[in-house]
Protein backbone atom coordinates (compact mmCIF):
# COMPACT_ATOMS: atom_id res chain seq x y z
CA UNK A 1 24.51 45.12 27.69
CA UNK A 2 25.80 45.16 31.29
CA UNK A 3 27.75 41.94 30.70
CA UNK A 4 29.43 43.52 27.68
CA UNK A 5 30.40 46.61 29.67
CA UNK A 6 31.77 44.49 32.52
CA UNK A 7 33.73 42.32 30.11
CA UNK A 8 35.16 45.38 28.34
CA UNK A 9 36.13 46.93 31.68
CA UNK A 10 37.79 43.72 32.84
CA UNK A 11 39.79 43.47 29.61
CA UNK A 12 40.87 47.11 29.87
CA UNK A 13 41.90 46.66 33.50
CA UNK A 14 43.86 43.54 32.63
CA UNK A 15 45.66 45.32 29.80
CA UNK A 16 46.60 48.22 32.08
CA UNK A 17 47.96 45.91 34.75
CA UNK A 18 50.23 44.24 32.19
CA UNK A 19 51.60 47.60 31.07
CA UNK A 20 52.45 48.79 34.61
CA UNK A 21 55.92 48.01 36.00
CA UNK A 22 56.07 45.22 38.54
CA UNK A 23 58.30 47.10 40.98
CA UNK A 24 59.92 50.48 41.10
CA UNK A 25 63.65 50.67 40.42
CA UNK A 26 65.84 51.65 43.37
CA UNK A 27 67.35 55.12 43.36
CA UNK A 28 69.99 56.24 45.82
CA UNK A 29 70.32 59.97 46.20
CA UNK A 30 73.71 59.80 47.89
CA UNK A 31 75.87 59.00 44.93
CA UNK A 32 79.25 57.62 45.88
CA UNK A 33 82.04 60.15 46.12
CA UNK A 34 85.39 59.87 44.55
CA UNK A 35 84.19 59.28 41.01
CA UNK A 36 85.69 62.06 38.99
CA UNK A 37 88.02 62.30 36.09
CA UNK A 38 91.53 61.70 37.27
CA UNK A 39 94.54 62.63 35.18
CA UNK A 40 98.22 62.13 35.93
CA UNK A 41 101.27 63.44 34.19
CA UNK A 42 104.58 61.68 34.54
CA UNK A 43 108.09 62.44 33.40
CA UNK A 44 108.80 60.56 30.21
CA UNK A 45 105.41 58.82 30.15
CA UNK A 46 103.18 61.66 29.00
CA UNK A 47 99.46 61.72 29.65
CA UNK A 48 97.94 58.84 31.59
CA UNK A 49 94.32 58.62 32.66
CA UNK A 50 93.88 56.53 35.80
CA UNK A 51 90.21 57.23 36.47
CA UNK A 52 89.19 53.73 35.31
CA UNK A 53 91.69 52.17 37.70
CA UNK A 54 90.43 54.28 40.58
CA UNK A 55 86.82 53.44 39.71
CA UNK A 56 87.58 49.71 39.69
CA UNK A 57 89.51 50.02 42.95
CA UNK A 58 86.51 51.77 44.52
CA UNK A 59 84.15 49.02 43.32
CA UNK A 60 86.47 46.42 44.84
CA UNK A 61 86.40 48.32 48.15
CA UNK A 62 82.60 48.36 48.08
CA UNK A 63 82.54 44.61 47.38
CA UNK A 64 84.92 43.87 50.26
CA UNK A 65 82.89 46.04 52.65
CA UNK A 66 79.65 44.28 51.67
CA UNK A 67 81.35 40.92 52.17
CA UNK A 68 82.61 42.06 55.58
CA UNK A 69 79.00 42.85 56.45
CA UNK A 70 77.85 39.35 55.49
CA UNK A 71 76.74 39.89 51.89
CA UNK A 72 78.07 37.15 49.59
CA UNK A 73 78.84 39.62 46.79
CA UNK A 74 80.70 38.34 43.74
CA UNK A 75 80.85 41.74 42.01
CA UNK A 76 79.58 45.28 42.48
CA UNK A 77 78.58 48.03 40.05
CA UNK A 78 77.14 51.52 40.49
CA UNK A 79 73.58 51.78 39.20
CA UNK A 80 71.23 54.71 39.75
CA UNK A 81 73.50 55.92 42.53
CA UNK A 82 73.18 52.59 44.35
CA UNK A 83 75.57 49.70 44.78
CA UNK A 84 74.29 46.92 42.56
CA UNK A 85 75.66 43.76 44.13
CA UNK A 86 75.62 40.46 42.30
CA UNK A 87 75.37 37.86 45.04
CA UNK A 88 75.57 34.11 45.44
CA UNK A 89 72.50 32.86 47.33
CA UNK A 90 72.75 30.03 49.91
CA UNK A 91 71.09 27.62 47.45
CA UNK A 92 73.82 28.30 44.86
CA UNK A 93 71.75 30.54 42.60
CA UNK A 94 72.84 34.05 41.68
CA UNK A 95 70.88 37.16 42.59
CA UNK A 96 71.05 40.92 42.53
CA UNK A 97 70.64 43.29 45.48
CA UNK A 98 70.89 47.06 45.81
CA UNK A 99 72.58 48.92 48.67
CA UNK A 100 73.01 52.55 49.65
CA UNK A 101 76.72 53.37 49.14
CA UNK A 102 76.88 55.61 52.21
CA UNK A 103 75.19 53.36 54.76
CA UNK A 104 75.41 49.93 53.10
CA UNK A 105 71.74 49.42 53.91
CA UNK A 106 69.84 47.27 51.46
CA UNK A 107 67.40 49.38 49.45
CA UNK A 108 65.98 46.69 47.17
């Protein structure tokens, strides 16, 4: 009877540990500024939305700043308010790291 209860408890504990996330996802509360909807009007060209260009320029600036600080970033995205940097590791493999966009400190 006790063996059955212990076995059942061990199975339940094992099942719960499989369902739990391995690590918490990073979340940066200081979301990067400058990401709004930008609209320009030009003479003879009509309506032109340049927000995508500005967004991509901003990501490129973040990538260059991370590289200046020694991070071998190949590309950068915004994820959960953090900078999600895709990096080339010294052994040639690719990895992913997360940085605070205000301080450039690694958060995960």
